[in-house]
N, C-alpha and C. Protein backbone atom coordinates (compact mmCIF):
# COMPACT_ATOMS: atom_id res chain seq x y z
N UNK A 1 1.01 -0.99 0.08
CA UNK A 1 0.24 0.04 -0.09
C UNK A 1 0.58 1.50 -0.14
N UNK A 2 0.27 1.98 0.28
CA UNK A 2 0.94 3.60 0.43
C UNK A 2 0.62 4.60 -0.77
N UNK A 3 0.68 5.76 -0.71
CA UNK A 3 0.67 6.80 -1.65
C UNK A 3 1.69 6.39 -2.90
N UNK A 4 2.66 5.92 -2.67
CA UNK A 4 3.58 6.00 -3.78
C UNK A 4 4.24 4.41 -4.22
N UNK A 5 3.09 3.98 -3.91
CA UNK A 5 3.14 2.49 -4.02
C UNK A 5 3.41 1.92 -5.70
N UNK A 6 2.66 2.64 -6.36
CA UNK A 6 2.32 2.38 -7.86
C UNK A 6 3.89 2.86 -8.53
N UNK A 7 4.58 3.97 -7.69
CA UNK A 7 5.85 4.18 -8.34
C UNK A 7 6.94 3.51 -8.12
N UNK A 8 6.92 2.51 -7.17
CA UNK A 8 7.98 1.67 -6.81
C UNK A 8 8.54 0.82 -7.76
N UNK A 9 9.80 0.58 -7.88
CA UNK A 9 10.77 -0.07 -9.10
C UNK A 9 10.04 -1.39 -9.37
N UNK A 10 9.93 -1.99 -10.16
CA UNK A 10 9.28 -3.45 -10.41
C UNK A 10 10.24 -4.42 -9.58
N UNK A 11 11.47 -4.05 -9.27
CA UNK A 11 12.30 -5.26 -8.65
C UNK A 11 12.06 -4.93 -6.76
N UNK A 12 11.35 -4.01 -6.67
CA UNK A 12 11.20 -3.68 -5.05
C UNK A 12 10.09 -4.62 -4.54
N UNK A 13 10.31 -5.52 -3.31
CA UNK A 13 9.10 -6.37 -3.30
C UNK A 13 8.48 -5.65 -2.10
N UNK A 14 7.37 -5.73 -1.98
CA UNK A 14 6.63 -5.15 -0.53
C UNK A 14 6.14 -6.50 -0.30
N UNK A 15 6.14 -6.58 1.26
CA UNK A 15 5.53 -7.55 1.96
C UNK A 15 4.60 -7.20 2.87
N UNK A 16 3.20 -7.41 3.05
CA UNK A 16 2.17 -6.97 3.63
C UNK A 16 1.99 -8.35 5.00
N UNK A 17 2.23 -8.01 5.84
CA UNK A 17 1.75 -8.87 7.32
C UNK A 17 0.53 -8.84 7.48
N UNK A 18 0.25 -7.68 7.83
CA UNK A 18 -1.22 -7.41 8.31
C UNK A 18 -2.18 -6.57 7.48
N UNK A 19 -3.18 -7.16 7.39
CA UNK A 19 -4.35 -6.21 6.24
C UNK A 19 -4.77 -4.78 7.33
N UNK A 20 -5.19 -3.98 6.65
CA UNK A 20 -5.45 -2.51 7.49
C UNK A 20 -6.67 -3.25 8.53
N UNK A 21 -6.70 -2.64 9.53
CA UNK A 21 -7.53 -2.85 10.70
C UNK A 21 -8.95 -3.09 10.34
N UNK A 22 -9.39 -2.16 9.35
CA UNK A 22 -11.08 -2.46 8.74
C UNK A 22 -10.97 -3.51 8.17
N UNK A 23 -10.23 -4.31 7.13
CA UNK A 23 -10.18 -5.26 6.56
C UNK A 23 -10.11 -6.69 7.54
N UNK A 24 -9.32 -6.34 8.64
CA UNK A 24 -9.17 -7.62 9.36
C UNK A 24 -10.22 -7.56 10.24
N UNK A 25 -10.98 -6.74 10.56
CA UNK A 25 -12.11 -6.89 11.56
C UNK A 25 -13.41 -6.95 11.12
N UNK A 26 -13.58 -7.24 9.65
CA UNK A 26 -15.16 -7.41 9.28
C UNK A 26 -16.24 -8.44 10.25
N UNK A 27 -15.82 -9.56 11.05
CA UNK A 27 -16.52 -9.87 11.54
C UNK A 27 -15.68 -10.37 12.77
N UNK A 28 -16.44 -11.11 13.66
CA UNK A 28 -15.79 -11.17 15.14
C UNK A 28 -14.74 -12.49 15.12
N UNK A 29 -14.86 -13.42 14.14
CA UNK A 29 -13.87 -14.64 13.91
C UNK A 29 -12.31 -14.07 13.24
N UNK A 30 -12.58 -12.95 12.32
CA UNK A 30 -11.18 -12.39 11.67
C UNK A 30 -10.70 -11.59 12.73
N UNK A 31 -11.50 -10.82 13.46
CA UNK A 31 -10.96 -10.02 14.49
C UNK A 31 -10.15 -10.82 15.55
N UNK A 32 -10.73 -11.81 15.86
CA UNK A 32 -10.31 -13.00 16.90
C UNK A 32 -8.62 -13.38 16.39
N UNK A 33 -8.89 -13.92 15.19
CA UNK A 33 -7.61 -14.62 14.48
C UNK A 33 -6.37 -13.26 14.24
N UNK A 34 -6.61 -12.09 14.24
CA UNK A 34 -6.19 -11.02 13.71
C UNK A 34 -5.31 -10.95 15.39
N UNK A 35 -6.10 -10.60 16.36
CA UNK A 35 -5.38 -10.58 17.91
C UNK A 35 -4.73 -11.96 17.95
N UNK A 36 -5.13 -13.17 17.84
CA UNK A 36 -4.16 -14.37 18.28
C UNK A 36 -2.65 -14.20 17.51
N UNK A 37 -3.22 -13.86 15.93
CA UNK A 37 -1.82 -13.90 15.26
C UNK A 37 -0.95 -12.58 15.64
N UNK A 38 -1.32 -11.50 16.13
CA UNK A 38 -0.67 -10.42 16.56
C UNK A 38 0.14 -10.75 18.09
N UNK A 39 -0.87 -11.35 18.89
CA UNK A 39 -0.14 -11.86 20.11
C UNK A 39 1.12 -12.85 20.16
N UNK A 40 0.96 -13.74 19.14
CA UNK A 40 1.86 -14.79 18.87
C UNK A 40 3.15 -14.38 18.24
N UNK A 41 3.01 -13.05 17.58
CA UNK A 41 4.11 -12.32 16.51
C UNK A 41 4.84 -11.67 18.00
N UNK A 42 4.05 -11.12 19.05
CA UNK A 42 4.80 -10.34 19.97
C UNK A 42 5.65 -11.22 20.78
N UNK A 43 5.20 -12.80 21.24
CA UNK A 43 6.11 -13.63 21.98
C UNK A 43 7.12 -14.56 20.86
N UNK A 44 7.03 -14.41 19.78
CA UNK A 44 7.75 -14.93 18.77
C UNK A 44 9.23 -13.90 18.96
N UNK A 45 10.38 -14.71 18.50
CA UNK A 45 11.48 -14.15 18.34
C UNK A 45 11.57 -13.59 17.06
N UNK A 46 12.40 -12.25 16.94
CA UNK A 46 12.57 -11.74 15.40
C UNK A 46 12.94 -12.38 14.48
N UNK A 47 14.07 -13.33 14.69
CA UNK A 47 14.77 -14.12 13.61
C UNK A 47 13.62 -15.12 13.24
N UNK A 48 12.73 -15.63 13.91
CA UNK A 48 11.97 -16.78 13.64
C UNK A 48 10.61 -15.83 12.63
N UNK A 49 10.42 -14.68 13.25
CA UNK A 49 9.31 -14.05 12.32
C UNK A 49 9.82 -13.61 11.05
N UNK A 50 11.11 -13.39 10.99
CA UNK A 50 11.54 -12.85 9.88
C UNK A 50 11.91 -14.15 8.54
N UNK A 51 12.34 -15.51 9.52
CA UNK A 51 12.07 -16.36 8.96
C UNK A 51 10.94 -16.93 7.70
N UNK A 52 9.92 -16.74 9.02
CA UNK A 52 8.51 -17.17 8.22
C UNK A 52 7.92 -16.33 7.39
N UNK A 53 8.09 -15.01 7.68
CA UNK A 53 7.24 -14.05 6.60
C UNK A 53 8.21 -13.38 5.58
N UNK A 54 9.41 -12.94 5.72
CA UNK A 54 9.97 -12.93 4.74
C UNK A 54 11.24 -13.90 3.93
N UNK A 55 11.54 -14.75 4.68
CA UNK A 55 12.14 -16.01 4.15
C UNK A 55 13.40 -16.12 3.36
N UNK A 56 14.12 -14.86 4.11
CA UNK A 56 15.54 -14.75 3.80
C UNK A 56 15.76 -14.98 1.82
N UNK A 57 15.30 -14.27 1.37
CA UNK A 57 15.22 -14.31 -0.04
C UNK A 57 16.10 -13.66 -0.53
N UNK A 58 17.52 -13.24 0.06
CA UNK A 58 18.69 -12.83 -0.54
C UNK A 58 18.35 -11.16 -0.77
N UNK A 59 17.48 -10.59 -0.21
CA UNK A 59 17.57 -9.15 -0.51
C UNK A 59 18.79 -8.37 -0.12
N UNK A 60 19.18 -7.36 -0.34
CA UNK A 60 20.16 -6.48 -0.32
C UNK A 60 19.96 -5.39 0.65
N UNK A 61 18.60 -4.98 0.69
CA UNK A 61 18.17 -4.15 1.71
C UNK A 61 16.82 -4.24 1.97
N UNK A 62 16.77 -4.10 3.69
CA UNK A 62 15.09 -4.43 4.05
C UNK A 62 15.00 -2.86 4.76
N UNK A 63 13.81 -2.82 4.43
CA UNK A 63 13.19 -1.33 5.28
C UNK A 63 11.83 -1.63 6.16
N UNK A 64 11.84 -1.39 7.26
CA UNK A 64 10.98 -1.20 8.15
C UNK A 64 10.01 0.12 7.79
N UNK A 65 8.81 0.41 7.30
CA UNK A 65 8.51 1.72 7.24
C UNK A 65 7.53 2.24 8.36
N UNK A 66 7.67 1.65 9.44
CA UNK A 66 6.70 1.85 10.44
C UNK A 66 7.29 0.78 11.88
N UNK A 67 7.08 1.83 12.85
CA UNK A 67 7.75 1.37 14.21
C UNK A 67 6.95 0.33 14.67
N UNK A 68 7.37 -0.46 15.61
CA UNK A 68 6.42 -1.64 16.09
C UNK A 68 6.96 -2.94 15.59
N UNK A 69 5.79 -3.68 15.10
CA UNK A 69 5.71 -5.29 14.51
C UNK A 69 6.76 -5.29 13.06
N UNK A 70 6.84 -4.22 12.18
CA UNK A 70 7.45 -3.98 11.17
C UNK A 70 8.75 -3.93 11.43
N UNK A 71 9.41 -3.39 12.51
CA UNK A 71 10.84 -3.18 13.02
C UNK A 71 11.26 -4.26 13.68
N UNK A 72 10.58 -5.00 14.22
CA UNK A 72 10.92 -6.23 14.77
C UNK A 72 11.00 -7.42 13.69
N UNK A 73 10.29 -7.35 13.00
CA UNK A 73 10.56 -8.58 11.79
C UNK A 73 11.75 -8.28 11.30
N UNK A 74 12.00 -7.32 10.23
CA UNK A 74 13.21 -7.16 9.63
C UNK A 74 14.42 -7.01 10.66
N UNK A 75 14.40 -6.74 11.88
CA UNK A 75 15.42 -6.70 12.48
C UNK A 75 16.08 -8.06 12.75
N UNK A 76 15.17 -9.16 12.50
CA UNK A 76 15.35 -10.62 12.62
C UNK A 76 16.35 -11.17 11.25
N UNK A 77 16.42 -10.21 10.32
CA UNK A 77 17.46 -10.53 9.22
C UNK A 77 18.76 -10.94 9.11
N UNK A 78 19.44 -11.71 8.25
CA UNK A 78 20.73 -11.55 8.21
C UNK A 78 21.47 -10.57 8.61
N UNK A 79 22.67 -10.49 9.21
CA UNK A 79 23.70 -9.55 9.50
C UNK A 79 24.02 -8.76 8.43
N UNK A 80 24.52 -9.44 7.34
CA UNK A 80 24.72 -8.84 6.16
C UNK A 80 23.72 -8.03 5.00
N UNK A 81 22.46 -8.18 5.59
CA UNK A 81 21.45 -7.27 4.78
C UNK A 81 21.43 -6.02 5.52
N UNK A 82 21.57 -4.90 4.63
CA UNK A 82 21.44 -3.54 4.99
C UNK A 82 19.85 -3.47 5.60
N UNK A 83 19.89 -2.81 6.94
CA UNK A 83 18.41 -2.73 7.54
C UNK A 83 18.38 -1.03 7.84
N UNK A 84 17.24 -0.52 7.41
CA UNK A 84 16.67 0.76 7.74
C UNK A 84 15.15 0.93 8.47
N UNK A 85 15.10 1.73 9.23
CA UNK A 85 13.55 1.48 10.06
C UNK A 85 13.40 3.22 9.93
N UNK A 86 12.11 3.21 9.82
CA UNK A 86 11.37 4.50 9.86
C UNK A 86 10.29 4.77 11.24
N UNK A 87 10.36 5.73 11.64
CA UNK A 87 9.87 6.15 13.10
C UNK A 87 9.10 7.43 12.91
N UNK A 88 7.74 7.19 12.87
CA UNK A 88 6.53 8.39 12.79
C UNK A 88 6.22 8.74 13.60
N UNK A 89 5.90 7.97 14.84
CA UNK A 89 5.04 8.70 15.83
C UNK A 89 6.18 8.86 17.10
N UNK A 90 5.98 9.94 17.94
CA UNK A 90 6.42 10.37 19.04
C UNK A 90 6.69 9.22 20.08
N UNK A 91 7.66 8.34 20.27
CA UNK A 91 7.63 7.10 21.11
C UNK A 91 7.33 7.55 22.82
N UNK A 92 7.62 8.75 22.96
CA UNK A 92 7.25 9.39 24.45
C UNK A 92 5.72 9.45 24.55
N UNK A 93 5.13 10.28 23.66
CA UNK A 93 3.45 10.35 23.20
C UNK A 93 2.90 9.33 23.17
N UNK A 94 3.29 8.92 22.09
CA UNK A 94 2.67 7.55 21.60
C UNK A 94 3.35 6.02 21.29
N UNK A 95 3.59 5.52 22.57
CA UNK A 95 4.45 4.53 22.39
C UNK A 95 3.74 3.36 22.33
N UNK A 96 3.08 3.41 21.19
CA UNK A 96 2.36 1.83 21.16
C UNK A 96 3.06 0.61 20.24
N UNK A 97 4.20 1.28 19.73
CA UNK A 97 5.38 0.46 19.15
C UNK A 97 5.78 -0.79 20.01
N UNK A 98 5.63 -0.08 21.66
CA UNK A 98 6.40 -1.12 22.24
C UNK A 98 5.38 -2.40 22.60
N UNK A 99 4.04 -2.47 21.98
CA UNK A 99 3.12 -3.62 22.54
C UNK A 99 3.88 -4.50 21.44
N UNK A 100 4.42 -4.55 20.67
CA UNK A 100 4.82 -5.67 19.47
C UNK A 100 6.21 -6.25 20.31
N UNK A 101 6.65 -5.91 21.21
CA UNK A 101 7.63 -6.59 22.07
C UNK A 101 7.54 -7.01 23.32
N UNK A 102 8.36 -8.14 23.68
CA UNK A 102 8.00 -8.42 25.20
C UNK A 102 8.32 -7.53 26.11
N UNK A 103 9.13 -6.69 26.01
CA UNK A 103 9.74 -5.86 26.75
C UNK A 103 10.75 -4.46 25.91
N UNK A 104 10.88 -3.60 26.87
CA UNK A 104 11.50 -2.24 26.10
C UNK A 104 13.00 -2.85 25.86
N UNK A 105 13.47 -3.86 26.39
CA UNK A 105 15.14 -4.30 26.28
C UNK A 105 14.97 -4.82 24.82
N UNK A 106 13.94 -5.62 24.39
CA UNK A 106 13.92 -6.55 23.33
C UNK A 106 13.80 -5.38 22.27
N UNK A 107 12.95 -4.22 22.50
CA UNK A 107 12.86 -3.34 21.32
C UNK A 107 14.21 -2.52 20.99
N UNK A 108 14.86 -2.06 22.02
CA UNK A 108 16.00 -1.43 21.86
C UNK A 108 17.25 -2.28 21.22
N UNK A 109 17.19 -3.71 21.41
CA UNK A 109 18.04 -4.50 21.00
C UNK A 109 17.80 -4.59 19.40
N UNK A 110 16.31 -4.48 19.07
CA UNK A 110 15.80 -4.66 17.38
C UNK A 110 16.58 -3.57 16.84
N UNK A 111 16.42 -2.20 17.42
CA UNK A 111 16.70 -1.09 16.57
C UNK A 111 18.37 -1.15 16.55
N UNK A 112 18.71 -1.57 17.73
CA UNK A 112 20.32 -1.62 17.32
C UNK A 112 21.07 -2.44 15.96
N UNK A 113 20.27 -3.11 15.51
CA UNK A 113 20.43 -4.16 14.73
C UNK A 113 20.26 -3.42 12.96
N UNK A 114 19.87 -1.92 13.06
CA UNK A 114 19.58 -1.30 12.17
C UNK A 114 20.56 -0.32 11.45
N UNK A 115 21.07 -0.20 10.09
CA UNK A 115 22.43 0.42 9.92
C UNK A 115 21.83 1.88 9.93
N UNK A 116 20.57 2.41 9.71
CA UNK A 116 20.24 3.50 9.94
C UNK A 116 18.74 3.57 10.45
N UNK A 117 18.74 4.49 11.24
CA UNK A 117 17.03 4.72 11.90
C UNK A 117 16.52 6.25 11.20
N UNK A 118 15.43 6.39 10.83
CA UNK A 118 15.02 7.71 10.31
C UNK A 118 13.66 7.97 10.93
N UNK A 119 13.80 9.44 11.34
CA UNK A 119 12.50 9.76 12.13
C UNK A 119 12.04 10.95 10.84
N UNK A 120 10.57 11.13 11.26
CA UNK A 120 10.21 11.61 10.32
C UNK A 120 10.19 13.57 10.45
N UNK A 121 10.79 13.59 11.81
CA UNK A 121 10.84 15.16 12.23
C UNK A 121 11.61 15.27 13.13
N UNK A 122 12.04 16.45 13.53
CA UNK A 122 13.25 16.89 14.69
C UNK A 122 12.52 16.12 16.40
N UNK A 123 10.99 16.52 16.32
CA UNK A 123 10.68 16.24 17.69
C UNK A 123 10.48 14.76 17.84
N UNK A 124 10.14 13.84 16.72
CA UNK A 124 10.61 12.69 16.72
C UNK A 124 11.74 11.89 17.13
N UNK A 125 12.63 12.78 16.65
CA UNK A 125 13.78 12.00 16.51
C UNK A 125 14.64 12.46 17.95
N UNK A 126 13.98 13.53 18.39
CA UNK A 126 14.49 13.91 19.92
C UNK A 126 14.06 12.83 20.94
N UNK A 127 12.55 12.64 20.79
CA UNK A 127 11.89 11.80 21.68
C UNK A 127 12.39 10.28 21.48
N UNK A 128 12.91 9.92 20.27
CA UNK A 128 13.62 8.69 20.16
C UNK A 128 14.82 8.37 20.91
N UNK A 129 15.61 9.38 20.87
CA UNK A 129 16.76 9.44 21.59
C UNK A 129 16.80 9.05 22.95
N UNK A 130 15.87 10.23 23.45
CA UNK A 130 15.46 10.27 24.89
C UNK A 130 15.01 8.76 25.42
N UNK A 131 13.96 8.45 24.88
CA UNK A 131 13.53 7.23 25.27
C UNK A 131 14.33 5.76 24.91
N UNK A 132 15.29 5.83 23.83
CA UNK A 132 15.84 4.56 23.54
C UNK A 132 17.49 4.85 23.65
N UNK A 133 17.81 5.99 23.72
CA UNK A 133 19.42 6.16 23.71
C UNK A 133 20.14 6.10 22.41
N UNK A 134 19.50 5.82 21.55
CA UNK A 134 20.15 5.34 20.02
C UNK A 134 20.05 6.79 19.08
N UNK A 135 21.08 7.12 18.41
CA UNK A 135 21.12 8.25 17.48
C UNK A 135 20.42 7.75 16.40
N UNK A 136 19.31 9.00 15.52
CA UNK A 136 18.74 8.47 14.44
C UNK A 136 18.77 9.90 13.50
N UNK A 137 18.54 9.79 12.23
CA UNK A 137 18.55 10.65 11.42
C UNK A 137 17.15 11.30 11.27
N UNK A 138 16.93 12.54 10.51
CA UNK A 138 15.83 12.99 10.18
C UNK A 138 15.64 13.03 8.60
N UNK A 139 14.47 12.38 8.35
CA UNK A 139 13.64 12.23 6.91
C UNK A 139 12.44 12.45 6.82
N UNK A 140 12.26 13.80 6.30
CA UNK A 140 10.51 14.40 6.34
C UNK A 140 10.03 13.26 5.39
N UNK A 141 8.76 13.33 5.52
CA UNK A 141 7.84 12.21 4.70
C UNK A 141 7.75 13.36 3.61
N UNK A 142 7.90 12.65 2.29
CA UNK A 142 7.55 13.09 0.77
C UNK A 142 6.34 13.71 0.75
N UNK A 143 6.23 14.95 0.57
CA UNK A 143 4.96 15.63 0.26
C UNK A 143 4.96 15.97 -1.49
N UNK A 144 3.59 15.50 -1.98
CA UNK A 144 3.53 15.81 -3.17
C UNK A 144 2.75 17.27 -3.49
N UNK A 145 3.68 18.30 -3.62
CA UNK A 145 3.42 19.81 -3.60
C UNK A 145 2.35 19.76 -4.81
N UNK A 146 3.02 19.16 -6.00
CA UNK A 146 2.27 19.75 -7.43
C UNK A 146 0.51 19.22 -7.21
N UNK A 147 0.31 18.09 -6.32
CA UNK A 147 -0.99 17.66 -6.20
C UNK A 147 -1.72 18.76 -5.06
N UNK A 148 -1.00 19.02 -4.11
CA UNK A 148 -1.77 20.11 -3.14
C UNK A 148 -1.85 21.26 -3.72
N UNK A 149 -1.05 21.89 -4.85
CA UNK A 149 -1.55 23.24 -5.44
C UNK A 149 -2.72 22.81 -6.24
N UNK A 150 -2.60 21.81 -7.16
CA UNK A 150 -3.65 21.42 -7.99
C UNK A 150 -5.16 21.51 -7.10
N UNK A 151 -5.34 21.08 -6.01
CA UNK A 151 -6.35 20.75 -5.18
C UNK A 151 -6.76 22.02 -4.57
N UNK A 152 -6.10 22.76 -4.54
CA UNK A 152 -6.18 24.24 -3.70
C UNK A 152 -6.54 25.09 -4.98
N UNK A 153 -6.37 24.96 -6.07
CA UNK A 153 -6.69 25.82 -7.35
C UNK A 153 -8.21 25.18 -7.58
N UNK A 154 -8.74 24.12 -7.16
CA UNK A 154 -9.88 24.01 -7.59
C UNK A 154 -11.07 24.27 -6.16
N UNK A 155 -10.91 25.43 -5.81
CA UNK A 155 -11.77 25.91 -4.75
C UNK A 155 -13.13 25.83 -5.21
N UNK A 156 -14.00 25.01 -4.40
CA UNK A 156 -15.32 25.06 -4.60
C UNK A 156 -16.23 26.62 -4.64
N UNK A 157 -17.25 26.66 -5.29
CA UNK A 157 -18.06 28.17 -5.32
C UNK A 157 -18.70 28.39 -3.85
N UNK A 158 -18.76 27.30 -3.16
CA UNK A 158 -19.42 27.72 -1.82
C UNK A 158 -18.20 28.39 -0.53
N UNK A 159 -16.84 27.62 -0.91
CA UNK A 159 -15.85 28.37 -0.14
C UNK A 159 -15.60 29.92 -0.52
N UNK A 160 -15.61 29.93 -1.82
CA UNK A 160 -15.47 31.33 -2.36
C UNK A 160 -16.77 32.12 -1.89
N UNK A 161 -18.04 31.74 -1.89
CA UNK A 161 -19.14 32.87 -1.32
C UNK A 161 -18.73 33.03 0.28
N UNK A 162 -18.37 32.06 0.88
CA UNK A 162 -17.73 32.57 2.34
C UNK A 162 -16.87 33.53 2.34
N UNK A 163 -15.82 33.40 1.58
CA UNK A 163 -14.76 34.17 1.40
C UNK A 163 -15.41 35.76 1.52
N UNK A 164 -15.89 35.84 0.39
CA UNK A 164 -16.51 37.10 0.11
C UNK A 164 -17.36 37.72 1.41
N UNK A 165 -18.27 36.88 1.93
CA UNK A 165 -19.36 37.11 3.05
C UNK A 165 -18.14 37.25 4.19
N UNK A 166 -17.27 36.52 4.36
CA UNK A 166 -16.79 36.60 5.90
C UNK A 166 -15.27 36.98 5.65
N UNK A 167 -15.11 38.37 5.19
CA UNK A 167 -13.42 38.41 4.55
C UNK A 167 -12.74 38.70 5.80
N UNK A 168 -13.13 39.05 6.98
CA UNK A 168 -12.17 38.82 8.28
C UNK A 168 -12.28 37.96 9.27
N UNK A 169 -12.45 36.90 8.55
CA UNK A 169 -12.91 35.41 9.48
C UNK A 169 -11.68 34.92 9.49
N UNK A 170 -11.22 34.60 10.92
CA UNK A 170 -9.79 33.38 11.01
C UNK A 170 -10.15 32.21 10.22
N UNK A 171 -8.94 31.99 9.62
CA UNK A 171 -8.98 30.40 8.73
C UNK A 171 -7.80 30.04 9.19
N UNK A 172 -7.95 28.38 9.28
CA UNK A 172 -6.78 27.52 9.29
C UNK A 172 -6.61 26.70 8.16
N UNK A 173 -5.59 26.58 7.62
CA UNK A 173 -5.05 25.68 6.72
C UNK A 173 -4.16 24.79 7.13
N UNK A 174 -4.42 23.40 7.13
CA UNK A 174 -3.58 22.65 7.52
C UNK A 174 -3.50 21.26 6.33
N UNK A 175 -2.22 20.68 6.26
CA UNK A 175 -2.24 19.65 5.29
C UNK A 175 -1.66 18.46 6.35
N UNK A 176 -2.73 17.36 6.27
CA UNK A 176 -2.56 16.21 7.10
C UNK A 176 -3.80 15.26 7.37
N UNK A 177 -3.61 14.29 7.67
CA UNK A 177 -4.88 13.23 8.34
C UNK A 177 -5.43 13.84 9.52
N UNK A 178 -6.31 14.18 9.52
CA UNK A 178 -7.43 14.49 10.77
C UNK A 178 -7.35 13.47 11.86
N UNK A 179 -6.10 13.14 12.39
CA UNK A 179 -6.25 11.96 13.53
C UNK A 179 -5.53 12.60 14.57
N UNK A 180 -5.72 11.96 15.52
CA UNK A 180 -5.22 12.40 17.05
C UNK A 180 -3.46 12.59 17.28
N UNK A 181 -2.74 11.55 16.44
CA UNK A 181 -1.32 11.77 16.28
C UNK A 181 -1.16 12.91 15.59
N UNK A 182 -1.66 13.41 14.92
CA UNK A 182 -1.24 14.67 14.06
C UNK A 182 -1.40 15.96 14.95
N UNK A 183 -2.20 15.78 16.15
CA UNK A 183 -2.38 17.02 16.97
C UNK A 183 -3.73 17.76 16.70
N UNK A 184 -4.58 17.18 15.73
CA UNK A 184 -5.93 17.81 15.50
C UNK A 184 -6.75 17.75 16.42
N UNK A 185 -6.83 16.88 17.25
CA UNK A 185 -7.70 17.37 18.49
C UNK A 185 -7.54 18.33 19.36
N UNK A 186 -6.65 18.83 19.46
CA UNK A 186 -6.48 19.92 20.15
C UNK A 186 -6.86 21.37 19.51
N UNK A 187 -7.37 21.51 18.29
CA UNK A 187 -8.04 22.44 17.71
C UNK A 187 -9.63 22.37 17.87
N UNK A 188 -9.87 21.48 18.46
CA UNK A 188 -11.69 20.96 18.05
C UNK A 188 -12.15 22.36 19.16
N UNK A 189 -11.55 23.13 20.03
CA UNK A 189 -12.31 24.07 20.99
C UNK A 189 -12.36 25.12 20.11
N UNK A 190 -11.28 25.52 19.13
CA UNK A 190 -11.33 26.54 18.43
C UNK A 190 -12.24 26.60 17.18
N UNK A 191 -12.08 25.15 16.57
CA UNK A 191 -13.17 25.03 15.46
C UNK A 191 -14.88 25.01 16.00
N UNK A 192 -15.05 24.59 16.95
CA UNK A 192 -16.02 24.10 17.61
C UNK A 192 -16.84 25.57 18.02
């Protein structure tokens, strides 16, 4: 998945271990199986998970694009494979990745097996260093400016009418998903 999936080079192999939450929980039985699988993966060693799911197919580079279980799985690969991890969420505020490991020590040991760890912001990098005492680099998420500019150019008539009628109104423009992790919950008082 992902926004840029279609643009990946054909030689790049993507392995999806978990289906998206909505797909996994269509009924109680599939939700139950999802939870059993998740709990077994927490208890399993990283090497076993890598062997079962990635199968040591001779990749040169393996990348965990999300903290938590992907980081654990990729850390179990052979030592001669270059491993890279991405961290998106502030681990001090949203420490959900810890639930993919038996304990914090196991999580730290997994991160130590990576050649480089990339955090998507300075704030996340600082929090990561504070929690794990491991250095990481910052690599900002790719943003498609052209797409944003094109969408901004297609302002609807209702928005334009609002602009004329309320010339001095306060306006807030933000690019991102409207989810708690992004901090949008803090603005509800202002908007409401």
